[in-house]
Amino acid sequence: GFLTGLNAAFIIDDETKNRLIIDSKALEIIKPILRGRDLKKYSFEFANQWTICTFTSFKINIEDYPSILDFFMEVGKTRMEQTGKEGSRKKTNNQWFETQDTISYWKEFEKPKIVWGEISDKPKFAYDDENYYAEATSFIMTGEKLKYLLAILHSKASEWSFNQLGTT
């Protein structure tokens, strides 16, 4: 998954999304998101959470997205700045409105994938072929034969193996 640096600005609910997409261009960079807590065994429950994808690799001009710019200004430019100063996000070379991660792998989110959470008491791997993005409390894996791999990951043998190799 990816790190925003300020979830209050980059992860939004349906109401906020609907307010922002009045500017139809905003739809280009607002994507559905899965968090670790949304994941279940073999499935997930979409919690109607969305992410504003201002990844550095997109090279976005925030002026092209006036509703998102206005929203970010409501959140507070000082809070969003990436200067490392008190009250702002950690220091990076990114623009103030960009996520902390550069997300050069963003195309992977738009492929069929297995998604799982960072912390879980038991295997909770889900298959996603609906182009959800994943935030920092979850991981993704793309590739071939994902549904077969998903069955193996949920097997008793894998669960036993996970318990031997790590902590739940």
Foldseek 3Di string as FASTA:
>chain_A
DAFQQDCVLFKDAPVLVVQQCVVVVQVVFKFFADEQVQFAQAAGHRPRIIGGAQALLVVDDCVSRVSSVVSVVVVPLQQQAQCCDPNHGDHDPDHSSHGPHNPPVLVQLQAWWWKHFQDDQFDGIYIDNPSHHYYDRMDIDDDPPHVVVSVVCRDPVNRVVCVVPHHD
